[in-house]
C-alpha cells in the first residue's frame, strides 16, 4: 500500500490512532481537514496502526534551518 503523504497520523494516550487528512484548496477555498479516530476493534484500526508504525520507523531527516543574516550598520 502506498504511503499517504497528505495526512498526519498519531497515537493518543488512550491508544486510539488519529488520522488527519489535509484538505486541498479548490477555487481559492479549502474545506476543514477531516479527522478520524480508530480504536482497537474498529475495522480500519490495524491498517492505520500499520501506517503509523511504518512512519515511526522511517529515519527522521533534519531540515536545514536558515538563520537571519544581520549586517552591521
Protein backbone atom coordinates (compact mmCIF):
# COMPACT_ATOMS: atom_id res chain seq x y z
CA UNK A 1 0.00 0.00 0.00
CA UNK A 2 1.50 3.39 -0.93
CA UNK A 3 2.23 5.90 1.78
CA UNK A 4 -0.42 8.57 2.23
CA UNK A 5 1.54 11.83 2.36
CA UNK A 6 -1.40 14.23 2.66
CA UNK A 7 -2.27 13.12 6.18
CA UNK A 8 -0.85 13.11 9.70
CA UNK A 9 -1.11 10.00 11.86
CA UNK A 10 -0.58 9.94 15.62
CA UNK A 11 -1.42 7.81 18.63
CA UNK A 12 -3.37 9.28 21.53
CA UNK A 13 -2.64 8.36 25.15
CA UNK A 14 -5.73 6.12 25.19
CA UNK A 15 -4.25 4.03 22.33
CA UNK A 16 -6.50 5.35 19.57
CA UNK A 17 -4.91 6.17 16.22
CA UNK A 18 -5.87 9.63 14.95
CA UNK A 19 -5.69 10.39 11.23
CA UNK A 20 -5.90 13.97 9.95
CA UNK A 21 -6.43 14.19 6.19
CA UNK A 22 -5.45 17.60 4.90
CA UNK A 23 -7.87 19.34 2.59
CA UNK A 24 -6.90 20.83 -0.72
CA UNK A 25 -7.54 24.36 -1.86
CA UNK A 26 -10.01 24.34 -4.73
CA UNK A 27 -11.30 27.52 -6.25
CA UNK A 28 -9.47 29.61 -3.65
CA UNK A 29 -11.18 27.89 -0.70
CA UNK A 30 -10.33 24.87 1.39
CA UNK A 31 -12.63 22.70 3.43
CA UNK A 32 -11.58 21.88 7.01
CA UNK A 33 -9.28 18.90 7.45
CA UNK A 34 -11.04 15.57 8.01
CA UNK A 35 -10.10 13.93 11.33
CA UNK A 36 -10.77 10.28 12.13
CA UNK A 37 -10.04 8.27 15.30
CA UNK A 38 -9.68 4.49 15.18
CA UNK A 39 -9.65 2.24 18.24
CA UNK A 40 -8.80 -1.45 18.65
CA UNK A 41 -11.76 -3.38 17.29
CA UNK A 42 -12.56 -0.83 14.56
CA UNK A 43 -12.38 -2.41 11.08
CA UNK A 44 -9.69 0.03 9.86
CA UNK A 45 -7.64 0.22 13.10
CA UNK A 46 -4.99 -2.32 12.04
CA UNK A 47 -4.43 -0.59 8.68
CA UNK A 48 -3.86 2.84 10.25
CA UNK A 49 -1.79 1.43 13.09
CA UNK A 50 0.45 -0.22 10.48
CA UNK A 51 0.74 3.09 8.61
CA UNK A 52 1.71 4.80 11.87
CA UNK A 53 4.34 2.16 12.69
CA UNK A 54 5.85 2.45 9.22
CA UNK A 55 6.16 6.21 9.61
CA UNK A 56 7.69 5.84 13.06
CA UNK A 57 10.36 3.52 11.62
CA UNK A 58 11.40 5.98 8.91
CA UNK A 59 14.61 7.85 9.71
CA UNK A 60 13.99 11.45 10.60
CA UNK A 61 15.71 13.96 8.39
CA UNK A 62 16.94 17.21 9.74
CA UNK A 63 15.58 20.21 7.94
CA UNK A 64 18.06 22.96 7.21
CA UNK A 65 17.40 25.98 9.36
CA UNK A 66 18.31 29.27 7.81
CA UNK A 67 19.45 31.84 10.29
CA UNK A 68 18.71 35.51 9.68
CA UNK A 69 21.70 37.46 8.45
CA UNK A 70 22.42 40.71 10.18
CA UNK A 71 24.68 43.30 8.65
CA UNK A 72 26.38 45.77 10.94
CA UNK A 73 25.19 49.30 10.39
